PDB file of all heavy atoms in Angstrom:
ATOM      1  N   SER A   1     111.841   7.165 107.843  1.00  0.00           N
ATOM      2  CA  SER A   1     111.996   7.551 109.253  1.00  0.00           C
ATOM      3  C   SER A   1     111.798   9.033 109.422  1.00  0.00           C
ATOM      4  O   SER A   1     111.431   9.493 110.525  1.00  0.00           O
ATOM      5  CB  SER A   1     113.369   7.108 109.750  1.00  0.00           C
ATOM      6  OG  SER A   1     114.372   7.788 109.032  1.00  0.00           O
ATOM      7  N   THR A   2     111.992   9.812 108.391  1.00  0.00           N
ATOM      8  CA  THR A   2     111.726  11.258 108.437  1.00  0.00           C
ATOM      9  C   THR A   2     110.275  11.519 108.677  1.00  0.00           C
ATOM     10  O   THR A   2     109.908  12.387 109.483  1.00  0.00           O
ATOM     11  CB  THR A   2     112.179  11.948 107.157  1.00  0.00           C
ATOM     12  OG1 THR A   2     113.532  11.616 106.883  1.00  0.00           O
ATOM     13  CG2 THR A   2     112.029  13.431 107.233  1.00  0.00           C
ATOM     14  N   SER A   3     109.412  10.754 108.024  1.00  0.00           N
ATOM     15  CA  SER A   3     107.976  10.874 108.215  1.00  0.00           C
ATOM     16  C   SER A   3     107.574  10.530 109.649  1.00  0.00           C
ATOM     17  O   SER A   3     106.737  11.189 110.253  1.00  0.00           O
ATOM     18  CB  SER A   3     107.226  10.021 107.225  1.00  0.00           C
ATOM     19  OG  SER A   3     105.817  10.112 107.440  1.00  0.00           O
ATOM     20  N   LEU A   4     108.192   9.458 110.194  1.00  0.00           N
ATOM     21  CA  LEU A   4     107.933   9.099 111.583  1.00  0.00           C
ATOM     22  C   LEU A   4     108.374  10.195 112.516  1.00  0.00           C
ATOM     23  O   LEU A   4     107.640  10.552 113.444  1.00  0.00           O
ATOM     24  CB  LEU A   4     108.654   7.800 111.918  1.00  0.00           C
ATOM     25  CG  LEU A   4     108.594   7.356 113.380  1.00  0.00           C
ATOM     26  CD1 LEU A   4     107.136   7.091 113.791  1.00  0.00           C
ATOM     27  CD2 LEU A   4     109.398   6.109 113.605  1.00  0.00           C
ATOM     28  N   ALA A   5     109.561  10.740 112.289  1.00  0.00           N
ATOM     29  CA  ALA A   5     110.065  11.834 113.150  1.00  0.00           C
ATOM     30  C   ALA A   5     109.144  13.049 113.052  1.00  0.00           C
ATOM     31  O   ALA A   5     108.856  13.691 114.079  1.00  0.00           O
ATOM     32  CB  ALA A   5     111.479  12.212 112.733  1.00  0.00           C
ATOM     33  N   TYR A   6     108.651  13.347 111.884  1.00  0.00           N
ATOM     34  CA  TYR A   6     107.712  14.468 111.706  1.00  0.00           C
ATOM     35  C   TYR A   6     106.433  14.211 112.483  1.00  0.00           C
ATOM     36  O   TYR A   6     105.947  15.105 113.195  1.00  0.00           O
ATOM     37  CB  TYR A   6     107.397  14.634 110.221  1.00  0.00           C
ATOM     38  CG  TYR A   6     106.394  15.734 109.963  1.00  0.00           C
ATOM     39  CD1 TYR A   6     106.773  17.085 110.018  1.00  0.00           C
ATOM     40  CD2 TYR A   6     105.079  15.411 109.658  1.00  0.00           C
ATOM     41  CE1 TYR A   6     105.850  18.069 109.757  1.00  0.00           C
ATOM     42  CE2 TYR A   6     104.140  16.412 109.447  1.00  0.00           C
ATOM     43  CZ  TYR A   6     104.535  17.723 109.488  1.00  0.00           C
ATOM     44  OH  TYR A   6     103.602  18.710 109.266  1.00  0.00           O
ATOM     45  N   THR A   7     105.874  13.008 112.372  1.00  0.00           N
ATOM     46  CA  THR A   7     104.629  12.686 113.055  1.00  0.00           C
ATOM     47  C   THR A   7     104.804  12.774 114.575  1.00  0.00           C
ATOM     48  O   THR A   7     103.951  13.363 115.260  1.00  0.00           O
ATOM     49  CB  THR A   7     104.147  11.286 112.650  1.00  0.00           C
ATOM     50  OG1 THR A   7     103.991  11.235 111.247  1.00  0.00           O
ATOM     51  CG2 THR A   7     102.835  10.928 113.321  1.00  0.00           C
ATOM     52  N   VAL A   8     105.895  12.206 115.085  1.00  0.00           N
ATOM     53  CA  VAL A   8     106.136  12.248 116.504  1.00  0.00           C
ATOM     54  C   VAL A   8     106.345  13.715 116.952  1.00  0.00           C
ATOM     55  O   VAL A   8     105.861  14.139 117.997  1.00  0.00           O
ATOM     56  CB  VAL A   8     107.360  11.378 116.878  1.00  0.00           C
ATOM     57  CG1 VAL A   8     107.774  11.619 118.312  1.00  0.00           C
ATOM     58  CG2 VAL A   8     107.026   9.919 116.658  1.00  0.00           C
ATOM     59  N   GLY A   9     107.049  14.495 116.138  1.00  0.00           N
ATOM     60  CA  GLY A   9     107.285  15.891 116.476  1.00  0.00           C
ATOM     61  C   GLY A   9     105.992  16.680 116.580  1.00  0.00           C
ATOM     62  O   GLY A   9     105.808  17.521 117.450  1.00  0.00           O
ATOM     63  N   VAL A  10     105.075  16.418 115.639  1.00  0.00           N
ATOM     64  CA  VAL A  10     103.804  17.115 115.634  1.00  0.00           C
ATOM     65  C   VAL A  10     102.973  16.723 116.890  1.00  0.00           C
ATOM     66  O   VAL A  10     102.377  17.594 117.541  1.00  0.00           O
ATOM     67  CB  VAL A  10     102.987  16.805 114.348  1.00  0.00           C
ATOM     68  CG1 VAL A  10     101.547  17.278 114.455  1.00  0.00           C
ATOM     69  CG2 VAL A  10     103.669  17.449 113.155  1.00  0.00           C
ATOM     70  N   GLU A  11     102.992  15.442 117.246  1.00  0.00           N
ATOM     71  CA  GLU A  11     102.307  15.015 118.454  1.00  0.00           C
ATOM     72  C   GLU A  11     102.859  15.663 119.716  1.00  0.00           C
ATOM     73  O   GLU A  11     102.132  16.075 120.597  1.00  0.00           O
ATOM     74  CB  GLU A  11     102.347  13.470 118.564  1.00  0.00           C
ATOM     75  CG  GLU A  11     101.525  12.745 117.552  1.00  0.00           C
ATOM     76  CD  GLU A  11     100.016  12.967 117.731  1.00  0.00           C
ATOM     77  OE1 GLU A  11      99.541  13.066 118.896  1.00  0.00           O
ATOM     78  OE2 GLU A  11      99.338  13.068 116.704  1.00  0.00           O
ATOM     79  N   MET A  12     104.200  15.749 119.767  1.00  0.00           N
ATOM     80  CA  MET A  12     104.838  16.379 120.929  1.00  0.00           C
ATOM     81  C   MET A  12     104.525  17.862 121.011  1.00  0.00           C
ATOM     82  O   MET A  12     104.290  18.412 122.069  1.00  0.00           O
ATOM     83  CB  MET A  12     106.352  16.152 120.880  1.00  0.00           C
ATOM     84  CG  MET A  12     106.756  14.702 121.043  1.00  0.00           C
ATOM     85  SD  MET A  12     106.201  13.961 122.602  1.00  0.00           S
ATOM     86  CE  MET A  12     107.174  14.902 123.769  1.00  0.00           C
ATOM     87  N   LEU A  13     104.503  18.538 119.851  1.00  0.00           N
ATOM     88  CA  LEU A  13     104.145  19.937 119.813  1.00  0.00           C
ATOM     89  C   LEU A  13     102.719  20.135 120.287  1.00  0.00           C
ATOM     90  O   LEU A  13     102.447  21.085 121.036  1.00  0.00           O
ATOM     91  CB  LEU A  13     104.325  20.487 118.414  1.00  0.00           C
ATOM     92  CG  LEU A  13     103.975  21.955 118.229  1.00  0.00           C
ATOM     93  CD1 LEU A  13     104.864  22.845 119.075  1.00  0.00           C
ATOM     94  CD2 LEU A  13     104.134  22.356 116.736  1.00  0.00           C
ATOM     95  N   ASP A  14     101.800  19.259 119.894  1.00  0.00           N
ATOM     96  CA  ASP A  14     100.413  19.356 120.328  1.00  0.00           C
ATOM     97  C   ASP A  14     100.310  19.214 121.863  1.00  0.00           C
ATOM     98  O   ASP A  14      99.617  19.989 122.491  1.00  0.00           O
ATOM     99  CB  ASP A  14      99.599  18.252 119.642  1.00  0.00           C
ATOM    100  CG  ASP A  14      98.132  18.314 120.011  1.00  0.00           C
ATOM    101  OD1 ASP A  14      97.538  19.406 119.949  1.00  0.00           O
ATOM    102  OD2 ASP A  14      97.566  17.245 120.354  1.00  0.00           O
ATOM    103  N   LYS A  15     101.029  18.274 122.418  1.00  0.00           N
ATOM    104  CA  LYS A  15     100.995  18.081 123.866  1.00  0.00           C
ATOM    105  C   LYS A  15     101.611  19.282 124.591  1.00  0.00           C
ATOM    106  O   LYS A  15     101.127  19.704 125.635  1.00  0.00           O
ATOM    107  CB  LYS A  15     101.737  16.806 124.275  1.00  0.00           C
ATOM    108  CG  LYS A  15     101.038  15.541 123.783  1.00  0.00           C
ATOM    109  CD  LYS A  15      99.628  15.486 124.330  1.00  0.00           C
ATOM    110  CE  LYS A  15      98.870  14.329 123.721  1.00  0.00           C
ATOM    111  NZ  LYS A  15      97.491  14.336 124.139  1.00  0.00           N
ATOM    112  N   SER A  16     102.677  19.841 124.013  1.00  0.00           N
ATOM    113  CA  SER A  16     103.302  21.025 124.601  1.00  0.00           C
ATOM    114  C   SER A  16     102.353  22.226 124.569  1.00  0.00           C
ATOM    115  O   SER A  16     102.263  22.949 125.562  1.00  0.00           O
ATOM    116  CB  SER A  16     104.573  21.353 123.818  1.00  0.00           C
ATOM    117  OG  SER A  16     105.157  22.536 124.308  1.00  0.00           O
ATOM    118  N   MET A  17     101.619  22.377 123.500  1.00  0.00           N
ATOM    119  CA  MET A  17     100.664  23.484 123.415  1.00  0.00           C
ATOM    120  C   MET A  17      99.528  23.314 124.424  1.00  0.00           C
ATOM    121  O   MET A  17      99.088  24.291 125.029  1.00  0.00           O
ATOM    122  CB  MET A  17     100.097  23.596 122.003  1.00  0.00           C
ATOM    123  CG  MET A  17     101.161  24.109 121.001  1.00  0.00           C
ATOM    124  SD  MET A  17     100.576  24.085 119.302  1.00  0.00           S
ATOM    125  CE  MET A  17      99.248  25.261 119.355  1.00  0.00           C
ATOM    126  N   GLU A  18      99.060  22.092 124.613  1.00  0.00           N
ATOM    127  CA  GLU A  18      98.021  21.824 125.612  1.00  0.00           C
ATOM    128  C   GLU A  18      98.532  22.173 127.012  1.00  0.00           C
ATOM    129  O   GLU A  18      97.818  22.772 127.819  1.00  0.00           O
ATOM    130  CB  GLU A  18      97.597  20.371 125.550  1.00  0.00           C
ATOM    131  CG  GLU A  18      96.772  20.014 124.366  1.00  0.00           C
ATOM    132  CD  GLU A  18      96.403  18.512 124.330  1.00  0.00           C
ATOM    133  OE1 GLU A  18      96.588  17.834 125.340  1.00  0.00           O
ATOM    134  OE2 GLU A  18      95.933  18.054 123.281  1.00  0.00           O
ATOM    135  N   LEU A  19      99.772  21.795 127.316  1.00  0.00           N
ATOM    136  CA  LEU A  19     100.367  22.066 128.620  1.00  0.00           C
ATOM    137  C   LEU A  19     100.484  23.584 128.830  1.00  0.00           C
ATOM    138  O   LEU A  19     100.154  24.076 129.910  1.00  0.00           O
ATOM    139  CB  LEU A  19     101.719  21.389 128.769  1.00  0.00           C
ATOM    140  CG  LEU A  19     102.487  21.668 130.058  1.00  0.00           C
ATOM    141  CD1 LEU A  19     101.688  21.139 131.251  1.00  0.00           C
ATOM    142  CD2 LEU A  19     103.879  21.079 129.991  1.00  0.00           C
ATOM    143  N   ASN A  20     100.939  24.300 127.821  1.00  0.00           N
ATOM    144  CA  ASN A  20     101.082  25.744 127.939  1.00  0.00           C
ATOM    145  C   ASN A  20      99.736  26.397 128.155  1.00  0.00           C
ATOM    146  O   ASN A  20      99.613  27.367 128.912  1.00  0.00           O
ATOM    147  CB  ASN A  20     101.762  26.339 126.715  1.00  0.00           C
ATOM    148  CG  ASN A  20     103.250  26.075 126.719  1.00  0.00           C
ATOM    149  OD1 ASN A  20     103.859  25.903 127.736  1.00  0.00           O
ATOM    150  ND2 ASN A  20     103.835  26.043 125.534  1.00  0.00           N
ATOM    151  N   GLN A  21      98.701  25.894 127.505  1.00  0.00           N
ATOM    152  CA  GLN A  21      97.361  26.479 127.691  1.00  0.00           C
ATOM    153  C   GLN A  21      96.863  26.245 129.120  1.00  0.00           C
ATOM    154  O   GLN A  21      96.312  27.153 129.750  1.00  0.00           O
ATOM    155  CB  GLN A  21      96.369  25.824 126.695  1.00  0.00           C
ATOM    156  CG  GLN A  21      94.970  26.358 126.799  1.00  0.00           C
ATOM    157  CD  GLN A  21      94.878  27.836 126.415  1.00  0.00           C
ATOM    158  OE1 GLN A  21      95.506  28.263 125.441  1.00  0.00           O
ATOM    159  NE2 GLN A  21      94.095  28.608 127.152  1.00  0.00           N
ATOM    160  N   THR A  22      97.094  25.063 129.639  1.00  0.00           N
ATOM    161  CA  THR A  22      96.712  24.751 131.028  1.00  0.00           C
ATOM    162  C   THR A  22      97.461  25.629 132.004  1.00  0.00           C
ATOM    163  O   THR A  22      96.868  26.194 132.937  1.00  0.00           O
ATOM    164  CB  THR A  22      97.007  23.277 131.338  1.00  0.00           C
ATOM    165  OG1 THR A  22      96.293  22.461 130.403  1.00  0.00           O
ATOM    166  CG2 THR A  22      96.577  22.935 132.737  1.00  0.00           C
ATOM    167  N   LEU A  23      98.747  25.819 131.804  1.00  0.00           N
ATOM    168  CA  LEU A  23      99.529  26.656 132.685  1.00  0.00           C
ATOM    169  C   LEU A  23      99.102  28.120 132.619  1.00  0.00           C
ATOM    170  O   LEU A  23      99.040  28.807 133.649  1.00  0.00           O
ATOM    171  CB  LEU A  23     101.031  26.524 132.386  1.00  0.00           C
ATOM    172  CG  LEU A  23     101.663  25.161 132.718  1.00  0.00           C
ATOM    173  CD1 LEU A  23     103.087  25.148 132.181  1.00  0.00           C
ATOM    174  CD2 LEU A  23     101.621  24.894 134.198  1.00  0.00           C
ATOM    175  N   SER A  24      98.813  28.595 131.415  1.00  0.00           N
ATOM    176  CA  SER A  24      98.394  29.995 131.298  1.00  0.00           C
ATOM    177  C   SER A  24      97.027  30.211 131.910  1.00  0.00           C
ATOM    178  O   SER A  24      96.788  31.276 132.508  1.00  0.00           O
ATOM    179  CB  SER A  24      98.427  30.435 129.832  1.00  0.00           C
ATOM    180  OG  SER A  24      97.467  29.708 129.076  1.00  0.00           O
ATOM    181  N   ASP A  25      96.137  29.218 131.801  1.00  0.00           N
ATOM    182  CA  ASP A  25      94.820  29.361 132.455  1.00  0.00           C
ATOM    183  C   ASP A  25      94.983  29.456 133.970  1.00  0.00           C
ATOM    184  O   ASP A  25      94.330  30.244 134.639  1.00  0.00           O
ATOM    185  CB  ASP A  25      93.910  28.184 132.120  1.00  0.00           C
ATOM    186  CG  ASP A  25      93.450  28.210 130.663  1.00  0.00           C
ATOM    187  OD1 ASP A  25      93.567  29.265 130.026  1.00  0.00           O
ATOM    188  OD2 ASP A  25      92.981  27.151 130.196  1.00  0.00           O
ATOM    189  N   GLY A  26      95.893  28.645 134.502  1.00  0.00           N
ATOM    190  CA  GLY A  26      96.173  28.703 135.942  1.00  0.00           C
ATOM    191  C   GLY A  26      96.775  30.002 136.380  1.00  0.00           C
ATOM    192  O   GLY A  26      96.450  30.569 137.429  1.00  0.00           O
ATOM    193  N   MET A  27      97.640  30.586 135.563  1.00  0.00           N
ATOM    194  CA  MET A  27      98.265  31.855 135.877  1.00  0.00           C
ATOM    195  C   MET A  27      97.228  32.978 135.871  1.00  0.00           C
ATOM    196  O   MET A  27      97.233  33.852 136.735  1.00  0.00           O
ATOM    197  CB  MET A  27      99.397  32.178 134.892  1.00  0.00           C
ATOM    198  CG  MET A  27     100.108  33.486 135.224  1.00  0.00           C
ATOM    199  SD  MET A  27     101.431  33.868 134.101  1.00  0.00           S
ATOM    200  CE  MET A  27     102.621  32.615 134.542  1.00  0.00           C
ATOM    201  N   VAL A  28      96.323  32.946 134.905  1.00  0.00           N
ATOM    202  CA  VAL A  28      95.253  33.951 134.829  1.00  0.00           C
ATOM    203  C   VAL A  28      94.382  33.860 136.059  1.00  0.00           C
ATOM    204  O   VAL A  28      94.054  34.872 136.671  1.00  0.00           O
ATOM    205  CB  VAL A  28      94.430  33.789 133.548  1.00  0.00           C
ATOM    206  CG1 VAL A  28      93.135  34.600 133.617  1.00  0.00           C
ATOM    207  CG2 VAL A  28      95.255  34.156 132.351  1.00  0.00           C
ATOM    208  N   LYS A  29      94.052  32.669 136.479  1.00  0.00           N
ATOM    209  CA  LYS A  29      93.210  32.472 137.676  1.00  0.00           C
ATOM    210  C   LYS A  29      93.944  32.998 138.919  1.00  0.00           C
ATOM    211  O   LYS A  29      93.351  33.644 139.782  1.00  0.00           O
ATOM    212  CB  LYS A  29      92.839  31.009 137.819  1.00  0.00           C
ATOM    213  CG  LYS A  29      91.872  30.752 138.969  1.00  0.00           C
ATOM    214  CD  LYS A  29      91.411  29.344 138.969  1.00  0.00           C
ATOM    215  CE  LYS A  29      90.487  29.104 140.115  1.00  0.00           C
ATOM    216  NZ  LYS A  29      89.094  29.138 139.754  1.00  0.00           N
ATOM    217  N   MET A  30      95.239  32.703 139.022  1.00  0.00           N
ATOM    218  CA  MET A  30      96.024  33.171 140.151  1.00  0.00           C
ATOM    219  C   MET A  30      96.067  34.690 140.175  1.00  0.00           C
ATOM    220  O   MET A  30      95.960  35.319 141.236  1.00  0.00           O
ATOM    221  CB  MET A  30      97.445  32.588 140.078  1.00  0.00           C
ATOM    222  CG  MET A  30      98.311  32.953 141.230  1.00  0.00           C
ATOM    223  SD  MET A  30      99.938  32.144 141.174  1.00  0.00           S
ATOM    224  CE  MET A  30     100.567  32.729 139.615  1.00  0.00           C
ATOM    225  N   MET A  31      96.248  35.303 139.007  1.00  0.00           N
ATOM    226  CA  MET A  31      96.302  36.762 138.950  1.00  0.00           C
ATOM    227  C   MET A  31      94.962  37.381 139.324  1.00  0.00           C
ATOM    228  O   MET A  31      94.925  38.440 139.964  1.00  0.00           O
ATOM    229  CB  MET A  31      96.748  37.206 137.578  1.00  0.00           C
ATOM    230  CG  MET A  31      98.218  36.883 137.315  1.00  0.00           C
ATOM    231  SD  MET A  31      98.743  37.254 135.640  1.00  0.00           S
ATOM    232  CE  MET A  31      98.693  39.052 135.662  1.00  0.00           C
ATOM    233  N   GLU A  32      93.862  36.748 138.885  1.00  0.00           N
ATOM    234  CA  GLU A  32      92.552  37.258 139.246  1.00  0.00           C
ATOM    235  C   GLU A  32      92.336  37.211 140.751  1.00  0.00           C
ATOM    236  O   GLU A  32      91.749  38.093 141.351  1.00  0.00           O
ATOM    237  CB  GLU A  32      91.458  36.441 138.536  1.00  0.00           C
ATOM    238  CG  GLU A  32      91.351  36.714 137.076  1.00  0.00           C
ATOM    239  CD  GLU A  32      90.373  35.763 136.370  1.00  0.00           C
ATOM    240  OE1 GLU A  32      89.948  34.777 136.984  1.00  0.00           O
ATOM    241  OE2 GLU A  32      90.074  36.038 135.203  1.00  0.00           O
ATOM    242  N   ASN A  33      92.802  36.145 141.390  1.00  0.00           N
ATOM    243  CA  ASN A  33      92.651  36.009 142.843  1.00  0.00           C
ATOM    244  C   ASN A  33      93.546  36.976 143.601  1.00  0.00           C
ATOM    245  O   ASN A  33      93.231  37.379 144.719  1.00  0.00           O
ATOM    246  CB  ASN A  33      92.957  34.583 143.275  1.00  0.00           C
ATOM    247  CG  ASN A  33      91.921  33.595 142.845  1.00  0.00           C
ATOM    248  OD1 ASN A  33      90.774  33.975 142.580  1.00  0.00           O
ATOM    249  ND2 ASN A  33      92.267  32.332 142.758  1.00  0.00           N
ATOM    250  N   SER A  34      94.656  37.390 143.016  1.00  0.00           N
ATOM    251  CA  SER A  34      95.562  38.294 143.715  1.00  0.00           C
ATOM    252  C   SER A  34      95.030  39.719 143.728  1.00  0.00           C
ATOM    253  O   SER A  34      95.445  40.533 144.557  1.00  0.00           O
ATOM    254  CB  SER A  34      96.951  38.265 143.069  1.00  0.00           C
ATOM    255  OG  SER A  34      96.919  38.894 141.819  1.00  0.00           O
ATOM    256  N   VAL A  35      94.089  40.052 142.847  1.00  0.00           N
ATOM    257  CA  VAL A  35      93.512  41.385 142.850  1.00  0.00           C
ATOM    258  C   VAL A  35      92.694  41.609 144.092  1.00  0.00           C
ATOM    259  O   VAL A  35      92.707  42.683 144.706  1.00  0.00           O
ATOM    260  CB  VAL A  35      92.641  41.611 141.589  1.00  0.00           C
ATOM    261  CG1 VAL A  35      91.917  42.924 141.642  1.00  0.00           C
ATOM    262  CG2 VAL A  35      93.550  41.519 140.349  1.00  0.00           C
TER     263      VAL A  35
END
């Protein structure tokens, strides 16, 4: 079950990183428009 928990944790981290990248791209675009 430790291996399962590790695999699920890695998948969740991957999704979290994708979400953070999307949010940061949106923030950069918003800052560019505010100039």
